[in-house]
PDB file of all heavy atoms in Angstrom:
ATOM      1  N   GLY A   1       0.770  -1.229   0.000  1.00  0.00           N
ATOM      2  CA  GLY A   1       0.000   0.000   0.000  1.00  0.00           C
ATOM      3  C   GLY A   1       0.807   1.288   0.000  1.00  0.00           C
ATOM      4  O   GLY A   1       0.257   2.372  -0.142  1.00  0.00           O
ATOM      5  N   PHE A   2       2.131   1.187   0.149  1.00  0.00           N
ATOM      6  CA  PHE A   2       2.948   2.399   0.244  1.00  0.00           C
ATOM      7  C   PHE A   2       2.866   3.247  -1.023  1.00  0.00           C
ATOM      8  O   PHE A   2       2.661   4.455  -0.954  1.00  0.00           O
ATOM      9  CB  PHE A   2       4.415   2.039   0.535  1.00  0.00           C
ATOM     10  CG  PHE A   2       5.295   3.252   0.697  1.00  0.00           C
ATOM     11  CD1 PHE A   2       5.388   3.881   1.924  1.00  0.00           C
ATOM     12  CD2 PHE A   2       5.999   3.778  -0.370  1.00  0.00           C
ATOM     13  CE1 PHE A   2       6.185   5.007   2.092  1.00  0.00           C
ATOM     14  CE2 PHE A   2       6.786   4.901  -0.230  1.00  0.00           C
ATOM     15  CZ  PHE A   2       6.879   5.520   1.008  1.00  0.00           C
ATOM     16  N   GLY A   3       3.021   2.624  -2.181  1.00  0.00           N
ATOM     17  CA  GLY A   3       3.010   3.365  -3.439  1.00  0.00           C
ATOM     18  C   GLY A   3       1.701   4.084  -3.677  1.00  0.00           C
ATOM     19  O   GLY A   3       1.673   5.221  -4.132  1.00  0.00           O
ATOM     20  N   ALA A   4       0.598   3.427  -3.342  1.00  0.00           N
ATOM     21  CA  ALA A   4      -0.715   4.035  -3.562  1.00  0.00           C
ATOM     22  C   ALA A   4      -0.979   5.183  -2.589  1.00  0.00           C
ATOM     23  O   ALA A   4      -1.636   6.155  -2.938  1.00  0.00           O
ATOM     24  CB  ALA A   4      -1.807   2.982  -3.429  1.00  0.00           C
ATOM     25  N   ARG A   5      -0.468   5.064  -1.370  1.00  0.00           N
ATOM     26  CA  ARG A   5      -0.745   6.098  -0.367  1.00  0.00           C
ATOM     27  C   ARG A   5       0.280   7.222  -0.343  1.00  0.00           C
ATOM     28  O   ARG A   5      -0.063   8.375  -0.144  1.00  0.00           O
ATOM     29  CB  ARG A   5      -0.836   5.469   1.016  1.00  0.00           C
ATOM     30  CG  ARG A   5      -2.155   4.786   1.269  1.00  0.00           C
ATOM     31  CD  ARG A   5      -2.375   4.441   2.729  1.00  0.00           C
ATOM     32  NE  ARG A   5      -1.434   3.475   3.258  1.00  0.00           N
ATOM     33  CZ  ARG A   5      -1.522   2.160   3.108  1.00  0.00           C
ATOM     34  NH1 ARG A   5      -2.517   1.647   2.431  1.00  0.00           N
ATOM     35  NH2 ARG A   5      -0.631   1.355   3.633  1.00  0.00           N
ATOM     36  N   HIS A   6       1.560   6.892  -0.515  1.00  0.00           N
ATOM     37  CA  HIS A   6       2.614   7.886  -0.312  1.00  0.00           C
ATOM     38  C   HIS A   6       3.466   8.157  -1.547  1.00  0.00           C
ATOM     39  O   HIS A   6       4.183   9.145  -1.589  1.00  0.00           O
ATOM     40  CB  HIS A   6       3.545   7.448   0.830  1.00  0.00           C
ATOM     41  CG  HIS A   6       2.814   7.143   2.095  1.00  0.00           C
ATOM     42  ND1 HIS A   6       2.198   8.107   2.841  1.00  0.00           N
ATOM     43  CD2 HIS A   6       2.576   5.969   2.724  1.00  0.00           C
ATOM     44  CE1 HIS A   6       1.632   7.551   3.895  1.00  0.00           C
ATOM     45  NE2 HIS A   6       1.833   6.265   3.843  1.00  0.00           N
ATOM     46  N   GLY A   7       3.412   7.290  -2.503  1.00  0.00           N
ATOM     47  CA  GLY A   7       4.241   7.457  -3.702  1.00  0.00           C
ATOM     48  C   GLY A   7       3.456   8.078  -4.821  1.00  0.00           C
ATOM     49  O   GLY A   7       2.746   9.059  -4.634  1.00  0.00           O
ATOM     50  N   HIS A   8       3.553   7.477  -5.992  1.00  0.00           N
ATOM     51  CA  HIS A   8       2.837   8.001  -7.149  1.00  0.00           C
ATOM     52  C   HIS A   8       2.321   6.917  -8.082  1.00  0.00           C
ATOM     53  O   HIS A   8       1.735   7.214  -9.104  1.00  0.00           O
ATOM     54  CB  HIS A   8       3.731   8.969  -7.930  1.00  0.00           C
ATOM     55  CG  HIS A   8       4.902   8.318  -8.587  1.00  0.00           C
ATOM     56  ND1 HIS A   8       6.034   7.962  -7.903  1.00  0.00           N
ATOM     57  CD2 HIS A   8       5.112   7.946  -9.867  1.00  0.00           C
ATOM     58  CE1 HIS A   8       6.894   7.401  -8.740  1.00  0.00           C
ATOM     59  NE2 HIS A   8       6.358   7.375  -9.929  1.00  0.00           N
ATOM     60  N   ASP A   9       2.536   5.635  -7.708  1.00  0.00           N
ATOM     61  CA  ASP A   9       2.087   4.582  -8.610  1.00  0.00           C
ATOM     62  C   ASP A   9       1.930   3.257  -7.891  1.00  0.00           C
ATOM     63  O   ASP A   9       2.375   3.082  -6.756  1.00  0.00           O
ATOM     64  CB  ASP A   9       3.063   4.407  -9.775  1.00  0.00           C
ATOM     65  CG  ASP A   9       4.426   3.886  -9.350  1.00  0.00           C
ATOM     66  OD1 ASP A   9       4.501   2.828  -8.698  1.00  0.00           O
ATOM     67  OD2 ASP A   9       5.437   4.527  -9.674  1.00  0.00           O
ATOM     68  N   ILE A  10       1.263   2.347  -8.596  1.00  0.00           N
ATOM     69  CA  ILE A  10       1.223   0.936  -8.214  1.00  0.00           C
ATOM     70  C   ILE A  10       1.933   0.202  -9.343  1.00  0.00           C
ATOM     71  O   ILE A  10       1.584   0.361 -10.512  1.00  0.00           O
ATOM     72  CB  ILE A  10      -0.217   0.416  -8.058  1.00  0.00           C
ATOM     73  CG1 ILE A  10      -0.907   1.101  -6.875  1.00  0.00           C
ATOM     74  CG2 ILE A  10      -0.218  -1.099  -7.885  1.00  0.00           C
ATOM     75  CD1 ILE A  10      -2.349   0.693  -6.706  1.00  0.00           C
ATOM     76  N   HIS A  11       2.923  -0.586  -8.998  1.00  0.00           N
ATOM     77  CA  HIS A  11       3.742  -1.300  -9.980  1.00  0.00           C
ATOM     78  C   HIS A  11       3.167  -2.705 -10.134  1.00  0.00           C
ATOM     79  O   HIS A  11       3.066  -3.454  -9.167  1.00  0.00           O
ATOM     80  CB  HIS A  11       5.180  -1.353  -9.464  1.00  0.00           C
ATOM     81  CG  HIS A  11       6.155  -1.873 -10.453  1.00  0.00           C
ATOM     82  ND1 HIS A  11       7.435  -1.411 -10.527  1.00  0.00           N
ATOM     83  CD2 HIS A  11       6.057  -2.823 -11.414  1.00  0.00           C
ATOM     84  CE1 HIS A  11       8.090  -2.045 -11.480  1.00  0.00           C
ATOM     85  NE2 HIS A  11       7.267  -2.913 -12.024  1.00  0.00           N
ATOM     86  N   MET A  12       2.835  -3.072 -11.380  1.00  0.00           N
ATOM     87  CA  MET A  12       2.297  -4.392 -11.689  1.00  0.00           C
ATOM     88  C   MET A  12       3.246  -5.100 -12.657  1.00  0.00           C
ATOM     89  O   MET A  12       3.897  -4.453 -13.479  1.00  0.00           O
ATOM     90  CB  MET A  12       0.908  -4.259 -12.331  1.00  0.00           C
ATOM     91  CG  MET A  12      -0.110  -3.482 -11.504  1.00  0.00           C
ATOM     92  SD  MET A  12      -0.651  -4.326 -10.011  1.00  0.00           S
ATOM     93  CE  MET A  12      -1.643  -5.646 -10.697  1.00  0.00           C
ATOM     94  N   ARG A  13       3.303  -6.439 -12.543  1.00  0.00           N
ATOM     95  CA  ARG A  13       4.227  -7.211 -13.392  1.00  0.00           C
ATOM     96  C   ARG A  13       3.571  -8.528 -13.797  1.00  0.00           C
ATOM     97  O   ARG A  13       2.877  -9.162 -13.010  1.00  0.00           O
ATOM     98  CB  ARG A  13       5.503  -7.494 -12.619  1.00  0.00           C
ATOM     99  CG  ARG A  13       6.519  -8.317 -13.383  1.00  0.00           C
ATOM    100  CD  ARG A  13       7.803  -8.482 -12.609  1.00  0.00           C
ATOM    101  NE  ARG A  13       8.468  -7.188 -12.525  1.00  0.00           N
ATOM    102  CZ  ARG A  13       9.297  -6.823 -11.536  1.00  0.00           C
ATOM    103  NH1 ARG A  13       9.554  -7.646 -10.554  1.00  0.00           N
ATOM    104  NH2 ARG A  13       9.865  -5.641 -11.535  1.00  0.00           N
ATOM    105  N   ARG A  14       3.868  -8.913 -15.041  1.00  0.00           N
ATOM    106  CA  ARG A  14       3.382 -10.187 -15.556  1.00  0.00           C
ATOM    107  C   ARG A  14       4.517 -10.885 -16.284  1.00  0.00           C
ATOM    108  O   ARG A  14       5.201 -10.271 -17.111  1.00  0.00           O
ATOM    109  CB  ARG A  14       2.226  -9.942 -16.515  1.00  0.00           C
ATOM    110  CG  ARG A  14       1.689 -11.201 -17.147  1.00  0.00           C
ATOM    111  CD  ARG A  14       0.534 -10.870 -18.060  1.00  0.00           C
ATOM    112  NE  ARG A  14       0.189 -12.056 -18.824  1.00  0.00           N
ATOM    113  CZ  ARG A  14      -0.579 -12.060 -19.863  1.00  0.00           C
ATOM    114  NH1 ARG A  14      -1.112 -10.929 -20.299  1.00  0.00           N
ATOM    115  NH2 ARG A  14      -0.844 -13.163 -20.506  1.00  0.00           N
ATOM    116  N   ALA A  15       4.708 -12.150 -16.005  1.00  0.00           N
ATOM    117  CA  ALA A  15       5.720 -12.939 -16.707  1.00  0.00           C
ATOM    118  C   ALA A  15       5.144 -13.425 -18.026  1.00  0.00           C
ATOM    119  O   ALA A  15       4.003 -13.883 -18.090  1.00  0.00           O
ATOM    120  CB  ALA A  15       6.151 -14.125 -15.856  1.00  0.00           C
ATOM    121  N   ILE A  16       5.950 -13.288 -19.076  1.00  0.00           N
ATOM    122  CA  ILE A  16       5.597 -13.821 -20.389  1.00  0.00           C
ATOM    123  C   ILE A  16       6.821 -14.580 -20.865  1.00  0.00           C
ATOM    124  O   ILE A  16       7.800 -13.985 -21.316  1.00  0.00           O
ATOM    125  CB  ILE A  16       5.212 -12.692 -21.377  1.00  0.00           C
ATOM    126  CG1 ILE A  16       3.997 -11.932 -20.854  1.00  0.00           C
ATOM    127  CG2 ILE A  16       4.951 -13.268 -22.761  1.00  0.00           C
ATOM    128  CD1 ILE A  16       3.564 -10.777 -21.711  1.00  0.00           C
ATOM    129  N   GLY A  17       6.769 -15.885 -20.728  1.00  0.00           N
ATOM    130  CA  GLY A  17       7.954 -16.698 -21.018  1.00  0.00           C
ATOM    131  C   GLY A  17       9.064 -16.341 -20.039  1.00  0.00           C
ATOM    132  O   GLY A  17       8.850 -16.277 -18.837  1.00  0.00           O
ATOM    133  N   ARG A  18      10.254 -16.098 -20.579  1.00  0.00           N
ATOM    134  CA  ARG A  18      11.388 -15.712 -19.727  1.00  0.00           C
ATOM    135  C   ARG A  18      11.437 -14.209 -19.471  1.00  0.00           C
ATOM    136  O   ARG A  18      12.275 -13.734 -18.722  1.00  0.00           O
ATOM    137  CB  ARG A  18      12.695 -16.136 -20.388  1.00  0.00           C
ATOM    138  CG  ARG A  18      12.927 -17.623 -20.310  1.00  0.00           C
ATOM    139  CD  ARG A  18      14.385 -17.886 -20.548  1.00  0.00           C
ATOM    140  NE  ARG A  18      14.533 -18.744 -21.710  1.00  0.00           N
ATOM    141  CZ  ARG A  18      15.639 -18.877 -22.390  1.00  0.00           C
ATOM    142  NH1 ARG A  18      16.698 -18.175 -22.080  1.00  0.00           N
ATOM    143  NH2 ARG A  18      15.707 -19.699 -23.407  1.00  0.00           N
ATOM    144  N   ARG A  19      10.574 -13.492 -20.119  1.00  0.00           N
ATOM    145  CA  ARG A  19      10.555 -12.029 -19.979  1.00  0.00           C
ATOM    146  C   ARG A  19       9.413 -11.611 -19.066  1.00  0.00           C
ATOM    147  O   ARG A  19       8.573 -12.411 -18.678  1.00  0.00           O
ATOM    148  CB  ARG A  19      10.420 -11.369 -21.342  1.00  0.00           C
ATOM    149  CG  ARG A  19      11.602 -11.671 -22.219  1.00  0.00           C
ATOM    150  CD  ARG A  19      11.479 -10.975 -23.533  1.00  0.00           C
ATOM    151  NE  ARG A  19      12.585 -11.373 -24.378  1.00  0.00           N
ATOM    152  CZ  ARG A  19      13.526 -10.563 -24.773  1.00  0.00           C
ATOM    153  NH1 ARG A  19      13.516  -9.305 -24.416  1.00  0.00           N
ATOM    154  NH2 ARG A  19      14.492 -10.986 -25.554  1.00  0.00           N
ATOM    155  N   ARG A  20       9.393 -10.318 -18.786  1.00  0.00           N
ATOM    156  CA  ARG A  20       8.308  -9.795 -17.976  1.00  0.00           C
ATOM    157  C   ARG A  20       7.827  -8.477 -18.581  1.00  0.00           C
ATOM    158  O   ARG A  20       8.563  -7.797 -19.287  1.00  0.00           O
ATOM    159  CB  ARG A  20       8.750  -9.592 -16.539  1.00  0.00           C
ATOM    160  CG  ARG A  20       9.793  -8.520 -16.402  1.00  0.00           C
ATOM    161  CD  ARG A  20      10.188  -8.312 -14.965  1.00  0.00           C
ATOM    162  NE  ARG A  20      10.790  -7.005 -14.844  1.00  0.00           N
ATOM    163  CZ  ARG A  20      11.810  -6.731 -14.082  1.00  0.00           C
ATOM    164  NH1 ARG A  20      12.340  -7.659 -13.339  1.00  0.00           N
ATOM    165  NH2 ARG A  20      12.288  -5.511 -14.021  1.00  0.00           N
ATOM    166  N   VAL A  21       6.594  -8.171 -18.286  1.00  0.00           N
ATOM    167  CA  VAL A  21       6.007  -6.911 -18.704  1.00  0.00           C
ATOM    168  C   VAL A  21       5.649  -6.154 -17.428  1.00  0.00           C
ATOM    169  O   VAL A  21       4.957  -6.691 -16.559  1.00  0.00           O
ATOM    170  CB  VAL A  21       4.744  -7.130 -19.570  1.00  0.00           C
ATOM    171  CG1 VAL A  21       4.077  -5.809 -19.895  1.00  0.00           C
ATOM    172  CG2 VAL A  21       5.095  -7.896 -20.826  1.00  0.00           C
ATOM    173  N   ASP A  22       6.150  -4.930 -17.311  1.00  0.00           N
ATOM    174  CA  ASP A  22       5.881  -4.102 -16.150  1.00  0.00           C
ATOM    175  C   ASP A  22       4.963  -2.953 -16.551  1.00  0.00           C
ATOM    176  O   ASP A  22       5.189  -2.301 -17.576  1.00  0.00           O
ATOM    177  CB  ASP A  22       7.179  -3.533 -15.588  1.00  0.00           C
ATOM    178  CG  ASP A  22       8.034  -4.598 -14.923  1.00  0.00           C
ATOM    179  OD1 ASP A  22       8.687  -5.387 -15.641  1.00  0.00           O
ATOM    180  OD2 ASP A  22       8.038  -4.645 -13.695  1.00  0.00           O
ATOM    181  N   VAL A  23       3.956  -2.722 -15.748  1.00  0.00           N
ATOM    182  CA  VAL A  23       3.027  -1.611 -15.949  1.00  0.00           C
ATOM    183  C   VAL A  23       2.970  -0.844 -14.635  1.00  0.00           C
ATOM    184  O   VAL A  23       2.803  -1.440 -13.567  1.00  0.00           O
ATOM    185  CB  VAL A  23       1.616  -2.106 -16.337  1.00  0.00           C
ATOM    186  CG1 VAL A  23       0.638  -0.943 -16.426  1.00  0.00           C
ATOM    187  CG2 VAL A  23       1.659  -2.884 -17.640  1.00  0.00           C
ATOM    188  N   GLU A  24       3.136   0.461 -14.729  1.00  0.00           N
ATOM    189  CA  GLU A  24       2.985   1.307 -13.548  1.00  0.00           C
ATOM    190  C   GLU A  24       1.706   2.108 -13.710  1.00  0.00           C
ATOM    191  O   GLU A  24       1.530   2.837 -14.690  1.00  0.00           O
ATOM    192  CB  GLU A  24       4.183   2.248 -13.386  1.00  0.00           C
ATOM    193  CG  GLU A  24       5.434   1.526 -12.967  1.00  0.00           C
ATOM    194  CD  GLU A  24       6.611   2.464 -12.722  1.00  0.00           C
ATOM    195  OE1 GLU A  24       6.518   3.671 -13.037  1.00  0.00           O
ATOM    196  OE2 GLU A  24       7.629   1.974 -12.214  1.00  0.00           O
ATOM    197  N   LEU A  25       0.832   1.958 -12.744  1.00  0.00           N
ATOM    198  CA  LEU A  25      -0.419   2.710 -12.709  1.00  0.00           C
ATOM    199  C   LEU A  25      -0.170   3.959 -11.867  1.00  0.00           C
ATOM    200  O   LEU A  25      -0.104   3.894 -10.653  1.00  0.00           O
ATOM    201  CB  LEU A  25      -1.532   1.855 -12.102  1.00  0.00           C
ATOM    202  CG  LEU A  25      -1.835   0.556 -12.847  1.00  0.00           C
ATOM    203  CD1 LEU A  25      -2.773  -0.315 -12.033  1.00  0.00           C
ATOM    204  CD2 LEU A  25      -2.413   0.859 -14.223  1.00  0.00           C
ATOM    205  N   HIS A  26      -0.010   5.076 -12.539  1.00  0.00           N
ATOM    206  CA  HIS A  26       0.293   6.335 -11.857  1.00  0.00           C
ATOM    207  C   HIS A  26      -0.992   7.066 -11.505  1.00  0.00           C
ATOM    208  O   HIS A  26      -1.886   7.183 -12.326  1.00  0.00           O
ATOM    209  CB  HIS A  26       1.135   7.249 -12.768  1.00  0.00           C
ATOM    210  CG  HIS A  26       2.524   6.771 -12.964  1.00  0.00           C
ATOM    211  ND1 HIS A  26       3.582   7.306 -12.284  1.00  0.00           N
ATOM    212  CD2 HIS A  26       3.030   5.800 -13.756  1.00  0.00           C
ATOM    213  CE1 HIS A  26       4.697   6.700 -12.642  1.00  0.00           C
ATOM    214  NE2 HIS A  26       4.389   5.773 -13.543  1.00  0.00           N
ATOM    215  N   TRP A  27      -1.024   7.593 -10.313  1.00  0.00           N
ATOM    216  CA  TRP A  27      -2.120   8.489  -9.953  1.00  0.00           C
ATOM    217  C   TRP A  27      -1.637   9.930  -9.902  1.00  0.00           C
ATOM    218  O   TRP A  27      -2.432  10.858  -9.815  1.00  0.00           O
ATOM    219  CB  TRP A  27      -2.786   8.074  -8.649  1.00  0.00           C
ATOM    220  CG  TRP A  27      -1.870   7.959  -7.470  1.00  0.00           C
ATOM    221  CD1 TRP A  27      -1.148   6.864  -7.090  1.00  0.00           C
ATOM    222  CD2 TRP A  27      -1.572   8.979  -6.517  1.00  0.00           C
ATOM    223  NE1 TRP A  27      -0.418   7.140  -5.961  1.00  0.00           N
ATOM    224  CE2 TRP A  27      -0.669   8.434  -5.577  1.00  0.00           C
ATOM    225  CE3 TRP A  27      -1.985  10.301  -6.355  1.00  0.00           C
ATOM    226  CZ2 TRP A  27      -0.167   9.154  -4.523  1.00  0.00           C
ATOM    227  CZ3 TRP A  27      -1.487  11.014  -5.294  1.00  0.00           C
ATOM    228  CH2 TRP A  27      -0.598  10.440  -4.386  1.00  0.00           C
ATOM    229  N   ARG A  28      -0.332  10.125  -9.978  1.00  0.00           N
ATOM    230  CA  ARG A  28       0.261  11.447 -10.193  1.00  0.00           C
ATOM    231  C   ARG A  28       1.621  11.232 -10.840  1.00  0.00           C
ATOM    232  O   ARG A  28       2.168  10.141 -10.816  1.00  0.00           O
ATOM    233  CB  ARG A  28       0.365  12.264  -8.917  1.00  0.00           C
ATOM    234  CG  ARG A  28       1.444  11.826  -7.955  1.00  0.00           C
ATOM    235  CD  ARG A  28       1.539  12.802  -6.791  1.00  0.00           C
ATOM    236  NE  ARG A  28       2.426  12.281  -5.775  1.00  0.00           N
ATOM    237  CZ  ARG A  28       2.384  12.619  -4.516  1.00  0.00           C
ATOM    238  NH1 ARG A  28       1.492  13.480  -4.097  1.00  0.00           N
ATOM    239  NH2 ARG A  28       3.235  12.097  -3.657  1.00  0.00           N
ATOM    240  N   ILE A  29       2.149  12.301 -11.405  1.00  0.00           N
ATOM    241  CA  ILE A  29       3.433  12.212 -12.105  1.00  0.00           C
ATOM    242  C   ILE A  29       4.539  12.444 -11.088  1.00  0.00           C
ATOM    243  O   ILE A  29       4.737  13.560 -10.621  1.00  0.00           O
ATOM    244  CB  ILE A  29       3.509  13.254 -13.237  1.00  0.00           C
ATOM    245  CG1 ILE A  29       2.359  13.023 -14.209  1.00  0.00           C
ATOM    246  CG2 ILE A  29       4.851  13.178 -13.956  1.00  0.00           C
ATOM    247  CD1 ILE A  29       2.085  14.187 -15.104  1.00  0.00           C
ATOM    248  N   GLY A  30       5.222  11.404 -10.700  1.00  0.00           N
ATOM    249  CA  GLY A  30       6.334  11.505  -9.767  1.00  0.00           C
ATOM    250  C   GLY A  30       5.904  11.548  -8.311  1.00  0.00           C
ATOM    251  O   GLY A  30       4.757  11.829  -7.985  1.00  0.00           O
ATOM    252  N   ASP A  31       6.844  11.250  -7.433  1.00  0.00           N
ATOM    253  CA  ASP A  31       6.572  11.268  -5.997  1.00  0.00           C
ATOM    254  C   ASP A  31       6.344  12.683  -5.471  1.00  0.00           C
ATOM    255  O   ASP A  31       5.633  12.883  -4.511  1.00  0.00           O
ATOM    256  CB  ASP A  31       7.742  10.640  -5.213  1.00  0.00           C
ATOM    257  CG  ASP A  31       7.755   9.126  -5.323  1.00  0.00           C
ATOM    258  OD1 ASP A  31       6.707   8.540  -5.639  1.00  0.00           O
ATOM    259  OD2 ASP A  31       8.818   8.535  -5.086  1.00  0.00           O
ATOM    260  N   ASP A  32       6.967  13.655  -6.094  1.00  0.00           N
ATOM    261  CA  ASP A  32       6.838  15.044  -5.656  1.00  0.00           C
ATOM    262  C   ASP A  32       5.410  15.523  -5.913  1.00  0.00           C
ATOM    263  O   ASP A  32       4.850  15.301  -6.979  1.00  0.00           O
ATOM    264  CB  ASP A  32       7.837  15.915  -6.430  1.00  0.00           C
ATOM    265  CG  ASP A  32       7.999  17.290  -5.830  1.00  0.00           C
ATOM    266  OD1 ASP A  32       6.968  17.958  -5.614  1.00  0.00           O
ATOM    267  OD2 ASP A  32       9.147  17.690  -5.593  1.00  0.00           O
TER     268      ASP A  32
END
């Protein structure tokens, strides 16, 4: 819950074979 409450995003990841796909759900641009 830290990213959603105090940061700026929730980081999501999915494995596809040996690789991964990362998606960041931002609710604001940057921590500032």
